[in-house]
Amino acid sequence: MLAFHPQMFVRIVELDGPRAPMPRPLQSGFNENRAYRVVGVYNPSETSDAYFILPNDREELWFICQRHLRFAGLHDTQAHHLDLLVALDAPHHSGGASVPSGDSLHATASD
């Protein structure tokens, strides 16, 4: 069983290369400058990967492999997409990858 927090948002960090899981989110209506609400999680028994169900910018639901995703925070909002703004101060770091602070996420007017 997989559980997730209903306010969880993830950001896209698409893996590249011949063994990258499909579908590739940046070629499927997602944007690396946005955070996406997780609306579900699926873990097929034949793989160790989990697939997060995310609404893309075209209002389609996609199953995206967790290897393409990074945690973007818990946000109490009704929006399904949040814009990632470049923080003016020094970004937080986790494992060498830049992680935006909670202050750099904002809902867009269209959400």
PDB file of N, CA and C in Angstrom:
ATOM      1  N   MET A   1       0.836  -1.181   0.000  1.00  0.00           N
ATOM      2  CA  MET A   1       0.000   0.000   0.000  1.00  0.00           C
ATOM      3  C   MET A   1       0.882   1.245   0.000  1.00  0.00           C
ATOM      4  N   LEU A   2       0.519   2.215  -0.816  1.00  0.00           N
ATOM      5  CA  LEU A   2       1.216   3.496  -0.845  1.00  0.00           C
ATOM      6  C   LEU A   2       0.258   4.578  -0.371  1.00  0.00           C
ATOM      7  N   ALA A   3       0.758   5.456   0.454  1.00  0.00           N
ATOM      8  CA  ALA A   3      -0.048   6.581   0.927  1.00  0.00           C
ATOM      9  C   ALA A   3       0.689   7.868   0.581  1.00  0.00           C
ATOM     10  N   PHE A   4      -0.052   8.951   0.448  1.00  0.00           N
ATOM     11  CA  PHE A   4       0.570  10.242   0.170  1.00  0.00           C
ATOM     12  C   PHE A   4      -0.248  11.328   0.837  1.00  0.00           C
ATOM     13  N   HIS A   5       0.373  12.437   1.084  1.00  0.00           N
ATOM     14  CA  HIS A   5      -0.272  13.576   1.717  1.00  0.00           C
ATOM     15  C   HIS A   5      -1.063  14.337   0.653  1.00  0.00           C
ATOM     16  N   PRO A   6      -2.323  14.712   0.911  1.00  0.00           N
ATOM     17  CA  PRO A   6      -3.145  15.378  -0.113  1.00  0.00           C
ATOM     18  C   PRO A   6      -2.653  16.767  -0.512  1.00  0.00           C
ATOM     19  N   GLN A   7      -1.721  17.344   0.252  1.00  0.00           N
ATOM     20  CA  GLN A   7      -1.193  18.666  -0.091  1.00  0.00           C
ATOM     21  C   GLN A   7       0.214  18.579  -0.692  1.00  0.00           C
ATOM     22  N   MET A   8       0.639  17.379  -1.103  1.00  0.00           N
ATOM     23  CA  MET A   8       1.989  17.184  -1.620  1.00  0.00           C
ATOM     24  C   MET A   8       2.105  17.666  -3.069  1.00  0.00           C
ATOM     25  N   PHE A   9       3.161  18.437  -3.312  1.00  0.00           N
ATOM     26  CA  PHE A   9       3.503  18.902  -4.650  1.00  0.00           C
ATOM     27  C   PHE A   9       4.888  18.385  -5.010  1.00  0.00           C
ATOM     28  N   VAL A  10       5.090  18.085  -6.292  1.00  0.00           N
ATOM     29  CA  VAL A  10       6.380  17.634  -6.798  1.00  0.00           C
ATOM     30  C   VAL A  10       6.796  18.520  -7.958  1.00  0.00           C
ATOM     31  N   ARG A  11       8.099  18.530  -8.208  1.00  0.00           N
ATOM     32  CA  ARG A  11       8.611  19.251  -9.364  1.00  0.00           C
ATOM     33  C   ARG A  11       9.277  18.258 -10.298  1.00  0.00           C
ATOM     34  N   ILE A  12       9.372  18.613 -11.556  1.00  0.00           N
ATOM     35  CA  ILE A  12       9.909  17.723 -12.583  1.00  0.00           C
ATOM     36  C   ILE A  12      11.414  17.922 -12.723  1.00  0.00           C
ATOM     37  N   VAL A  13      12.157  16.837 -12.628  1.00  0.00           N
ATOM     38  CA  VAL A  13      13.577  16.798 -12.959  1.00  0.00           C
ATOM     39  C   VAL A  13      13.734  15.559 -13.839  1.00  0.00           C
ATOM     40  N   GLU A  14      13.479  15.757 -15.122  1.00  0.00           N
ATOM     41  CA  GLU A  14      13.410  14.629 -16.061  1.00  0.00           C
ATOM     42  C   GLU A  14      14.762  13.956 -16.225  1.00  0.00           C
ATOM     43  N   LEU A  15      14.772  12.645 -16.063  1.00  0.00           N
ATOM     44  CA  LEU A  15      15.974  11.864 -16.321  1.00  0.00           C
ATOM     45  C   LEU A  15      16.166  11.746 -17.821  1.00  0.00           C
ATOM     46  N   ASP A  16      17.412  11.658 -18.234  1.00  0.00           N
ATOM     47  CA  ASP A  16      17.724  11.559 -19.654  1.00  0.00           C
ATOM     48  C   ASP A  16      18.454  10.248 -19.896  1.00  0.00           C
ATOM     49  N   GLY A  17      18.581   9.875 -21.121  1.00  0.00           N
ATOM     50  CA  GLY A  17      19.327   8.680 -21.467  1.00  0.00           C
ATOM     51  C   GLY A  17      18.433   7.557 -21.939  1.00  0.00           C
ATOM     52  N   PRO A  18      19.043   6.492 -22.453  1.00  0.00           N
ATOM     53  CA  PRO A  18      18.272   5.399 -23.048  1.00  0.00           C
ATOM     54  C   PRO A  18      17.445   4.594 -22.039  1.00  0.00           C
ATOM     55  N   ARG A  19      17.799   4.634 -20.758  1.00  0.00           N
ATOM     56  CA  ARG A  19      17.062   3.870 -19.746  1.00  0.00           C
ATOM     57  C   ARG A  19      16.133   4.741 -18.913  1.00  0.00           C
ATOM     58  N   ALA A  20      15.900   5.963 -19.344  1.00  0.00           N
ATOM     59  CA  ALA A  20      14.987   6.849 -18.619  1.00  0.00           C
ATOM     60  C   ALA A  20      13.576   6.293 -18.712  1.00  0.00           C
ATOM     61  N   PRO A  21      12.831   6.323 -17.595  1.00  0.00           N
ATOM     62  CA  PRO A  21      11.467   5.789 -17.628  1.00  0.00           C
ATOM     63  C   PRO A  21      10.556   6.615 -18.531  1.00  0.00           C
ATOM     64  N   MET A  22       9.589   5.928 -19.108  1.00  0.00           N
ATOM     65  CA  MET A  22       8.609   6.574 -19.981  1.00  0.00           C
ATOM     66  C   MET A  22       7.295   6.701 -19.232  1.00  0.00           C
ATOM     67  N   PRO A  23       6.458   7.666 -19.498  1.00  0.00           N
ATOM     68  CA  PRO A  23       6.683   8.756 -20.450  1.00  0.00           C
ATOM     69  C   PRO A  23       7.633   9.793 -19.866  1.00  0.00           C
ATOM     70  N   ARG A  24       8.194  10.584 -20.737  1.00  0.00           N
ATOM     71  CA  ARG A  24       9.057  11.676 -20.309  1.00  0.00           C
ATOM     72  C   ARG A  24       8.173  12.896 -20.086  1.00  0.00           C
ATOM     73  N   PRO A  25       8.117  13.393 -18.860  1.00  0.00           N
ATOM     74  CA  PRO A  25       7.139  14.430 -18.518  1.00  0.00           C
ATOM     75  C   PRO A  25       7.289  15.747 -19.291  1.00  0.00           C
ATOM     76  N   LEU A  26       8.525  16.159 -19.576  1.00  0.00           N
ATOM     77  CA  LEU A  26       8.697  17.436 -20.270  1.00  0.00           C
ATOM     78  C   LEU A  26       8.249  17.348 -21.726  1.00  0.00           C
ATOM     79  N   GLN A  27       8.033  16.144 -22.230  1.00  0.00           N
ATOM     80  CA  GLN A  27       7.504  15.944 -23.575  1.00  0.00           C
ATOM     81  C   GLN A  27       6.018  15.592 -23.520  1.00  0.00           C
ATOM     82  N   SER A  28       5.427  15.661 -22.325  1.00  0.00           N
ATOM     83  CA  SER A  28       4.041  15.237 -22.129  1.00  0.00           C
ATOM     84  C   SER A  28       3.186  16.296 -21.446  1.00  0.00           C
ATOM     85  N   GLY A  29       3.510  17.579 -21.684  1.00  0.00           N
ATOM     86  CA  GLY A  29       2.672  18.654 -21.174  1.00  0.00           C
ATOM     87  C   GLY A  29       3.038  19.174 -19.802  1.00  0.00           C
ATOM     88  N   PHE A  30       4.203  18.788 -19.270  1.00  0.00           N
ATOM     89  CA  PHE A  30       4.667  19.299 -17.985  1.00  0.00           C
ATOM     90  C   PHE A  30       5.772  20.323 -18.206  1.00  0.00           C
ATOM     91  N   ASN A  31       6.054  21.117 -17.182  1.00  0.00           N
ATOM     92  CA  ASN A  31       7.012  22.208 -17.274  1.00  0.00           C
ATOM     93  C   ASN A  31       7.933  22.135 -16.062  1.00  0.00           C
ATOM     94  N   GLU A  32       9.234  22.262 -16.277  1.00  0.00           N
ATOM     95  CA  GLU A  32      10.180  22.176 -15.174  1.00  0.00           C
ATOM     96  C   GLU A  32      10.119  23.395 -14.246  1.00  0.00           C
ATOM     97  N   ASN A  33       9.381  24.429 -14.627  1.00  0.00           N
ATOM     98  CA  ASN A  33       9.251  25.640 -13.808  1.00  0.00           C
ATOM     99  C   ASN A  33       7.956  25.665 -13.000  1.00  0.00           C
ATOM    100  N   ARG A  34       7.311  24.516 -12.864  1.00  0.00           N
ATOM    101  CA  ARG A  34       6.074  24.430 -12.088  1.00  0.00           C
ATOM    102  C   ARG A  34       6.160  23.261 -11.121  1.00  0.00           C
ATOM    103  N   ALA A  35       5.369  23.351 -10.067  1.00  0.00           N
ATOM    104  CA  ALA A  35       5.176  22.231  -9.145  1.00  0.00           C
ATOM    105  C   ALA A  35       3.772  21.697  -9.386  1.00  0.00           C
ATOM    106  N   TYR A  36       3.610  20.386  -9.245  1.00  0.00           N
ATOM    107  CA  TYR A  36       2.349  19.730  -9.563  1.00  0.00           C
ATOM    108  C   TYR A  36       1.819  18.977  -8.347  1.00  0.00           C
ATOM    109  N   ARG A  37       0.514  19.133  -8.098  1.00  0.00           N
ATOM    110  CA  ARG A  37      -0.129  18.411  -6.999  1.00  0.00           C
ATOM    111  C   ARG A  37      -0.188  16.925  -7.334  1.00  0.00           C
ATOM    112  N   VAL A  38       0.137  16.095  -6.367  1.00  0.00           N
ATOM    113  CA  VAL A  38       0.004  14.652  -6.511  1.00  0.00           C
ATOM    114  C   VAL A  38      -1.451  14.300  -6.217  1.00  0.00           C
ATOM    115  N   VAL A  39      -2.135  13.686  -7.180  1.00  0.00           N
ATOM    116  CA  VAL A  39      -3.534  13.308  -6.977  1.00  0.00           C
ATOM    117  C   VAL A  39      -3.688  11.804  -6.752  1.00  0.00           C
ATOM    118  N   GLY A  40      -2.599  11.055  -6.875  1.00  0.00           N
ATOM    119  CA  GLY A  40      -2.638   9.630  -6.617  1.00  0.00           C
ATOM    120  C   GLY A  40      -1.269   9.015  -6.828  1.00  0.00           C
ATOM    121  N   VAL A  41      -1.098   7.802  -6.327  1.00  0.00           N
ATOM    122  CA  VAL A  41       0.155   7.063  -6.493  1.00  0.00           C
ATOM    123  C   VAL A  41      -0.199   5.620  -6.818  1.00  0.00           C
ATOM    124  N   TYR A  42       0.545   5.032  -7.755  1.00  0.00           N
ATOM    125  CA  TYR A  42       0.320   3.650  -8.163  1.00  0.00           C
ATOM    126  C   TYR A  42       1.658   2.925  -8.181  1.00  0.00           C
ATOM    127  N   ASN A  43       1.696   1.717  -7.645  1.00  0.00           N
ATOM    128  CA  ASN A  43       2.907   0.907  -7.640  1.00  0.00           C
ATOM    129  C   ASN A  43       2.584  -0.466  -8.211  1.00  0.00           C
ATOM    130  N   PRO A  44       2.856  -0.680  -9.516  1.00  0.00           N
ATOM    131  CA  PRO A  44       2.565  -1.989 -10.100  1.00  0.00           C
ATOM    132  C   PRO A  44       3.454  -3.058  -9.466  1.00  0.00           C
ATOM    133  N   SER A  45       2.928  -4.241  -9.311  1.00  0.00           N
ATOM    134  CA  SER A  45       3.652  -5.311  -8.629  1.00  0.00           C
ATOM    135  C   SER A  45       4.893  -5.770  -9.398  1.00  0.00           C
ATOM    136  N   GLU A  46       4.951  -5.532 -10.709  1.00  0.00           N
ATOM    137  CA  GLU A  46       6.077  -6.026 -11.507  1.00  0.00           C
ATOM    138  C   GLU A  46       7.283  -5.092 -11.512  1.00  0.00           C
ATOM    139  N   THR A  47       7.229  -3.977 -10.797  1.00  0.00           N
ATOM    140  CA  THR A  47       8.340  -3.031 -10.787  1.00  0.00           C
ATOM    141  C   THR A  47       8.533  -2.454  -9.398  1.00  0.00           C
ATOM    142  N   SER A  48       9.724  -1.950  -9.148  1.00  0.00           N
ATOM    143  CA  SER A  48       9.980  -1.275  -7.876  1.00  0.00           C
ATOM    144  C   SER A  48       9.685   0.215  -7.978  1.00  0.00           C
ATOM    145  N   ASP A  49       9.331   0.687  -9.159  1.00  0.00           N
ATOM    146  CA  ASP A  49       9.005   2.100  -9.350  1.00  0.00           C
ATOM    147  C   ASP A  49       7.581   2.398  -8.881  1.00  0.00           C
ATOM    148  N   ALA A  50       7.396   3.615  -8.413  1.00  0.00           N
ATOM    149  CA  ALA A  50       6.052   4.116  -8.115  1.00  0.00           C
ATOM    150  C   ALA A  50       5.718   5.149  -9.182  1.00  0.00           C
ATOM    151  N   TYR A  51       4.463   5.207  -9.557  1.00  0.00           N
ATOM    152  CA  TYR A  51       4.015   6.175 -10.552  1.00  0.00           C
ATOM    153  C   TYR A  51       3.063   7.145  -9.876  1.00  0.00           C
ATOM    154  N   PHE A  52       3.395   8.426  -9.960  1.00  0.00           N
ATOM    155  CA  PHE A  52       2.583   9.474  -9.366  1.00  0.00           C
ATOM    156  C   PHE A  52       1.593   9.970 -10.406  1.00  0.00           C
ATOM    157  N   ILE A  53       0.354  10.138 -10.002  1.00  0.00           N
ATOM    158  CA  ILE A  53      -0.674  10.637 -10.907  1.00  0.00           C
ATOM    159  C   ILE A  53      -0.699  12.152 -10.759  1.00  0.00           C
ATOM    160  N   LEU A  54      -0.385  12.832 -11.866  1.00  0.00           N
ATOM    161  CA  LEU A  54      -0.256  14.296 -11.863  1.00  0.00           C
ATOM    162  C   LEU A  54      -1.096  14.896 -12.977  1.00  0.00           C
ATOM    163  N   PRO A  55      -1.746  16.039 -12.719  1.00  0.00           N
ATOM    164  CA  PRO A  55      -2.414  16.770 -13.800  1.00  0.00           C
ATOM    165  C   PRO A  55      -1.390  17.666 -14.495  1.00  0.00           C
ATOM    166  N   ASN A  56      -1.285  17.550 -15.822  1.00  0.00           N
ATOM    167  CA  ASN A  56      -0.317  18.397 -16.529  1.00  0.00           C
ATOM    168  C   ASN A  56      -0.949  19.746 -16.885  1.00  0.00           C
ATOM    169  N   ASP A  57      -0.222  20.562 -17.618  1.00  0.00           N
ATOM    170  CA  ASP A  57      -0.689  21.903 -17.978  1.00  0.00           C
ATOM    171  C   ASP A  57      -1.804  21.883 -19.017  1.00  0.00           C
ATOM    172  N   ARG A  58      -2.066  20.719 -19.623  1.00  0.00           N
ATOM    173  CA  ARG A  58      -3.155  20.577 -20.603  1.00  0.00           C
ATOM    174  C   ARG A  58      -4.381  19.922 -19.974  1.00  0.00           C
ATOM    175  N   GLU A  59      -4.391  19.836 -18.622  1.00  0.00           N
ATOM    176  CA  GLU A  59      -5.494  19.250 -17.859  1.00  0.00           C
ATOM    177  C   GLU A  59      -5.665  17.763 -18.133  1.00  0.00           C
ATOM    178  N   GLU A  60      -4.577  17.082 -18.513  1.00  0.00           N
ATOM    179  CA  GLU A  60      -4.572  15.635 -18.683  1.00  0.00           C
ATOM    180  C   GLU A  60      -3.978  15.008 -17.421  1.00  0.00           C
ATOM    181  N   LEU A  61      -4.388  13.799 -17.095  1.00  0.00           N
ATOM    182  CA  LEU A  61      -3.798  13.063 -15.979  1.00  0.00           C
ATOM    183  C   LEU A  61      -2.781  12.074 -16.532  1.00  0.00           C
ATOM    184  N   TRP A  62      -1.580  12.084 -15.950  1.00  0.00           N
ATOM    185  CA  TRP A  62      -0.508  11.203 -16.388  1.00  0.00           C
ATOM    186  C   TRP A  62       0.045  10.428 -15.208  1.00  0.00           C
ATOM    187  N   PHE A  63       0.519   9.206 -15.473  1.00  0.00           N
ATOM    188  CA  PHE A  63       1.255   8.406 -14.506  1.00  0.00           C
ATOM    189  C   PHE A  63       2.739   8.645 -14.787  1.00  0.00           C
ATOM    190  N   ILE A  64       3.425   9.352 -13.881  1.00  0.00           N
ATOM    191  CA  ILE A  64       4.825   9.719 -14.077  1.00  0.00           C
ATOM    192  C   ILE A  64       5.687   8.986 -13.047  1.00  0.00           C
ATOM    193  N   CYS A  65       6.740   8.333 -13.507  1.00  0.00           N
ATOM    194  CA  CYS A  65       7.641   7.581 -12.638  1.00  0.00           C
ATOM    195  C   CYS A  65       8.294   8.505 -11.605  1.00  0.00           C
ATOM    196  N   GLN A  66       8.420   8.011 -10.383  1.00  0.00           N
ATOM    197  CA  GLN A  66       8.988   8.822  -9.309  1.00  0.00           C
ATOM    198  C   GLN A  66      10.431   9.223  -9.596  1.00  0.00           C
ATOM    199  N   ARG A  67      11.120   8.543 -10.473  1.00  0.00           N
ATOM    200  CA  ARG A  67      12.510   8.904 -10.779  1.00  0.00           C
ATOM    201  C   ARG A  67      12.618  10.236 -11.517  1.00  0.00           C
ATOM    202  N   HIS A  68      11.528  10.731 -12.087  1.00  0.00           N
ATOM    203  CA  HIS A  68      11.503  12.040 -12.745  1.00  0.00           C
ATOM    204  C   HIS A  68      11.094  13.161 -11.780  1.00  0.00           C
ATOM    205  N   LEU A  69      10.791  12.842 -10.529  1.00  0.00           N
ATOM    206  CA  LEU A  69      10.165  13.805  -9.624  1.00  0.00           C
ATOM    207  C   LEU A  69      11.018  14.109  -8.411  1.00  0.00           C
ATOM    208  N   ARG A  70      10.855  15.322  -7.885  1.00  0.00           N
ATOM    209  CA  ARG A  70      11.475  15.742  -6.629  1.00  0.00           C
ATOM    210  C   ARG A  70      10.398  16.411  -5.787  1.00  0.00           C
ATOM    211  N   PHE A  71      10.499  16.262  -4.495  1.00  0.00           N
ATOM    212  CA  PHE A  71       9.534  16.847  -3.565  1.00  0.00           C
ATOM    213  C   PHE A  71       9.603  18.373  -3.630  1.00  0.00           C
ATOM    214  N   ALA A  72       8.450  19.032  -3.759  1.00  0.00           N
ATOM    215  CA  ALA A  72       8.392  20.492  -3.821  1.00  0.00           C
ATOM    216  C   ALA A  72       7.679  21.093  -2.618  1.00  0.00           C
ATOM    217  N   GLY A  73       7.186  20.276  -1.710  1.00  0.00           N
ATOM    218  CA  GLY A  73       6.595  20.795  -0.484  1.00  0.00           C
ATOM    219  C   GLY A  73       5.143  20.412  -0.302  1.00  0.00           C
ATOM    220  N   LEU A  74       4.640  20.732   0.895  1.00  0.00           N
ATOM    221  CA  LEU A  74       3.232  20.568   1.226  1.00  0.00           C
ATOM    222  C   LEU A  74       2.623  21.958   1.213  1.00  0.00           C
ATOM    223  N   HIS A  75       1.567  22.145   0.446  1.00  0.00           N
ATOM    224  CA  HIS A  75       0.980  23.471   0.283  1.00  0.00           C
ATOM    225  C   HIS A  75      -0.523  23.401   0.436  1.00  0.00           C
ATOM    226  N   ASP A  76      -1.044  24.208   1.340  1.00  0.00           N
ATOM    227  CA  ASP A  76      -2.479  24.262   1.608  1.00  0.00           C
ATOM    228  C   ASP A  76      -3.121  25.205   0.597  1.00  0.00           C
ATOM    229  N   THR A  77      -3.477  24.665  -0.542  1.00  0.00           N
ATOM    230  CA  THR A  77      -4.054  25.444  -1.633  1.00  0.00           C
ATOM    231  C   THR A  77      -4.985  24.540  -2.434  1.00  0.00           C
ATOM    232  N   GLN A  78      -5.909  25.134  -3.144  1.00  0.00           N
ATOM    233  CA  GLN A  78      -6.786  24.384  -4.039  1.00  0.00           C
ATOM    234  C   GLN A  78      -6.164  24.248  -5.436  1.00  0.00           C
ATOM    235  N   ALA A  79      -5.071  24.954  -5.693  1.00  0.00           N
ATOM    236  CA  ALA A  79      -4.414  24.920  -7.003  1.00  0.00           C
ATOM    237  C   ALA A  79      -3.806  23.545  -7.277  1.00  0.00           C
ATOM    238  N   HIS A  80      -3.791  23.151  -8.528  1.00  0.00           N
ATOM    239  CA  HIS A  80      -3.144  21.899  -8.911  1.00  0.00           C
ATOM    240  C   HIS A  80      -1.764  22.125  -9.523  1.00  0.00           C
ATOM    241  N   HIS A  81      -1.423  23.382  -9.810  1.00  0.00           N
ATOM    242  CA  HIS A  81      -0.115  23.746 -10.333  1.00  0.00           C
ATOM    243  C   HIS A  81       0.369  24.966  -9.566  1.00  0.00           C
ATOM    244  N   LEU A  82       1.653  25.014  -9.264  1.00  0.00           N
ATOM    245  CA  LEU A  82       2.268  26.172  -8.626  1.00  0.00           C
ATOM    246  C   LEU A  82       3.498  26.552  -9.425  1.00  0.00           C
ATOM    247  N   ASP A  83       3.660  27.845  -9.698  1.00  0.00           N
ATOM    248  CA  ASP A  83       4.852  28.295 -10.409  1.00  0.00           C
ATOM    249  C   ASP A  83       6.040  28.286  -9.463  1.00  0.00           C
ATOM    250  N   LEU A  84       7.192  27.828  -9.945  1.00  0.00           N
ATOM    251  CA  LEU A  84       8.438  27.866  -9.190  1.00  0.00           C
ATOM    252  C   LEU A  84       9.156  29.148  -9.580  1.00  0.00           C
ATOM    253  N   LEU A  85       9.343  30.039  -8.631  1.00  0.00           N
ATOM    254  CA  LEU A  85      10.046  31.285  -8.900  1.00  0.00           C
ATOM    255  C   LEU A  85      11.481  31.152  -8.439  1.00  0.00           C
ATOM    256  N   VAL A  86      12.401  31.744  -9.169  1.00  0.00           N
ATOM    257  CA  VAL A  86      13.806  31.691  -8.787  1.00  0.00           C
ATOM    258  C   VAL A  86      13.992  32.529  -7.526  1.00  0.00           C
ATOM    259  N   ALA A  87      14.497  31.907  -6.486  1.00  0.00           N
ATOM    260  CA  ALA A  87      14.709  32.601  -5.216  1.00  0.00           C
ATOM    261  C   ALA A  87      15.859  33.595  -5.379  1.00  0.00           C
ATOM    262  N   LEU A  88      15.683  34.794  -4.864  1.00  0.00           N
ATOM    263  CA  LEU A  88      16.719  35.822  -4.951  1.00  0.00           C
ATOM    264  C   LEU A  88      17.854  35.551  -3.979  1.00  0.00           C
ATOM    265  N   ASP A  89      17.538  34.918  -2.861  1.00  0.00           N
ATOM    266  CA  ASP A  89      18.584  34.585  -1.897  1.00  0.00           C
ATOM    267  C   ASP A  89      19.177  33.226  -2.259  1.00  0.00           C
ATOM    268  N   ALA A  90      20.171  32.782  -1.513  1.00  0.00           N
ATOM    269  CA  ALA A  90      20.826  31.505  -1.794  1.00  0.00           C
ATOM    270  C   ALA A  90      19.839  30.359  -1.653  1.00  0.00           C
ATOM    271  N   PRO A  91      19.777  29.480  -2.654  1.00  0.00           N
ATOM    272  CA  PRO A  91      18.834  28.357  -2.582  1.00  0.00           C
ATOM    273  C   PRO A  91      19.292  27.328  -1.562  1.00  0.00           C
ATOM    274  N   HIS A  92      18.334  26.547  -1.079  1.00  0.00           N
ATOM    275  CA  HIS A  92      18.649  25.422  -0.206  1.00  0.00           C
ATOM    276  C   HIS A  92      19.221  24.324  -1.074  1.00  0.00           C
ATOM    277  N   HIS A  93      20.051  23.473  -0.480  1.00  0.00           N
ATOM    278  CA  HIS A  93      20.642  22.382  -1.255  1.00  0.00           C
ATOM    279  C   HIS A  93      20.359  21.057  -0.584  1.00  0.00           C
ATOM    280  N   SER A  94      20.134  20.050  -1.398  1.00  0.00           N
ATOM    281  CA  SER A  94      19.894  18.693  -0.914  1.00  0.00           C
ATOM    282  C   SER A  94      20.551  17.733  -1.888  1.00  0.00           C
ATOM    283  N   GLY A  95      21.621  17.098  -1.461  1.00  0.00           N
ATOM    284  CA  GLY A  95      22.290  16.151  -2.346  1.00  0.00           C
ATOM    285  C   GLY A  95      22.882  16.802  -3.577  1.00  0.00           C
ATOM    286  N   GLY A  96      23.234  18.081  -3.490  1.00  0.00           N
ATOM    287  CA  GLY A  96      23.829  18.781  -4.612  1.00  0.00           C
ATOM    288  C   GLY A  96      22.831  19.400  -5.564  1.00  0.00           C
ATOM    289  N   ALA A  97      21.561  19.095  -5.428  1.00  0.00           N
ATOM    290  CA  ALA A  97      20.544  19.654  -6.323  1.00  0.00           C
ATOM    291  C   ALA A  97      19.872  20.841  -5.655  1.00  0.00           C
ATOM    292  N   SER A  98      19.644  21.876  -6.414  1.00  0.00           N
ATOM    293  CA  SER A  98      18.986  23.064  -5.885  1.00  0.00           C
ATOM    294  C   SER A  98      17.522  22.763  -5.600  1.00  0.00           C
ATOM    295  N   VAL A  99      17.077  23.101  -4.407  1.00  0.00           N
ATOM    296  CA  VAL A  99      15.690  22.884  -4.012  1.00  0.00           C
ATOM    297  C   VAL A  99      15.100  24.231  -3.646  1.00  0.00           C
ATOM    298  N   PRO A 100      14.038  24.667  -4.305  1.00  0.00           N
ATOM    299  CA  PRO A 100      13.463  25.969  -3.988  1.00  0.00           C
ATOM    300  C   PRO A 100      12.873  25.986  -2.594  1.00  0.00           C
ATOM    301  N   SER A 101      12.966  27.136  -1.937  1.00  0.00           N
ATOM    302  CA  SER A 101      12.358  27.270  -0.619  1.00  0.00           C
ATOM    303  C   SER A 101      10.856  27.358  -0.754  1.00  0.00           C
ATOM    304  N   GLY A 102      10.137  27.162   0.347  1.00  0.00           N
ATOM    305  CA  GLY A 102       8.686  27.233   0.315  1.00  0.00           C
ATOM    306  C   GLY A 102       8.188  28.589  -0.119  1.00  0.00           C
ATOM    307  N   ASP A 103       8.989  29.655   0.085  1.00  0.00           N
ATOM    308  CA  ASP A 103       8.585  30.990  -0.300  1.00  0.00           C
ATOM    309  C   ASP A 103       8.634  31.213  -1.808  1.00  0.00           C
ATOM    310  N   SER A 104       9.243  30.295  -2.548  1.00  0.00           N
ATOM    311  CA  SER A 104       9.373  30.518  -3.981  1.00  0.00           C
ATOM    312  C   SER A 104       8.277  29.824  -4.788  1.00  0.00           C
ATOM    313  N   LEU A 105       7.248  29.316  -4.118  1.00  0.00           N
ATOM    314  CA  LEU A 105       6.124  28.691  -4.801  1.00  0.00           C
ATOM    315  C   LEU A 105       4.912  29.582  -4.692  1.00  0.00           C
ATOM    316  N   HIS A 106       4.268  29.844  -5.804  1.00  0.00           N
ATOM    317  CA  HIS A 106       3.081  30.697  -5.810  1.00  0.00           C
ATOM    318  C   HIS A 106       2.063  30.138  -6.789  1.00  0.00           C
ATOM    319  N   ALA A 107       0.812  30.133  -6.401  1.00  0.00           N
ATOM    320  CA  ALA A 107      -0.254  29.700  -7.305  1.00  0.00           C
ATOM    321  C   ALA A 107      -0.416  30.746  -8.395  1.00  0.00           C
ATOM    322  N   THR A 108      -0.727  30.293  -9.591  1.00  0.00           N
ATOM    323  CA  THR A 108      -0.965  31.219 -10.682  1.00  0.00           C
ATOM    324  C   THR A 108      -2.440  31.605 -10.704  1.00  0.00           C
ATOM    325  N   ALA A 109      -2.741  32.716 -11.335  1.00  0.00           N
ATOM    326  CA  ALA A 109      -4.121  33.203 -11.385  1.00  0.00           C
ATOM    327  C   ALA A 109      -5.038  32.245 -12.113  1.00  0.00           C
ATOM    328  N   SER A 110      -4.500  31.456 -13.047  1.00  0.00           N
ATOM    329  CA  SER A 110      -5.338  30.544 -13.808  1.00  0.00           C
ATOM    330  C   SER A 110      -5.673  29.265 -13.065  1.00  0.00           C
ATOM    331  N   ASP A 111      -5.018  29.021 -11.921  1.00  0.00           N
ATOM    332  CA  ASP A 111      -5.242  27.772 -11.190  1.00  0.00           C
ATOM    333  C   ASP A 111      -6.375  27.882 -10.232  1.00  0.00           C
TER     334      ASP A 111
END
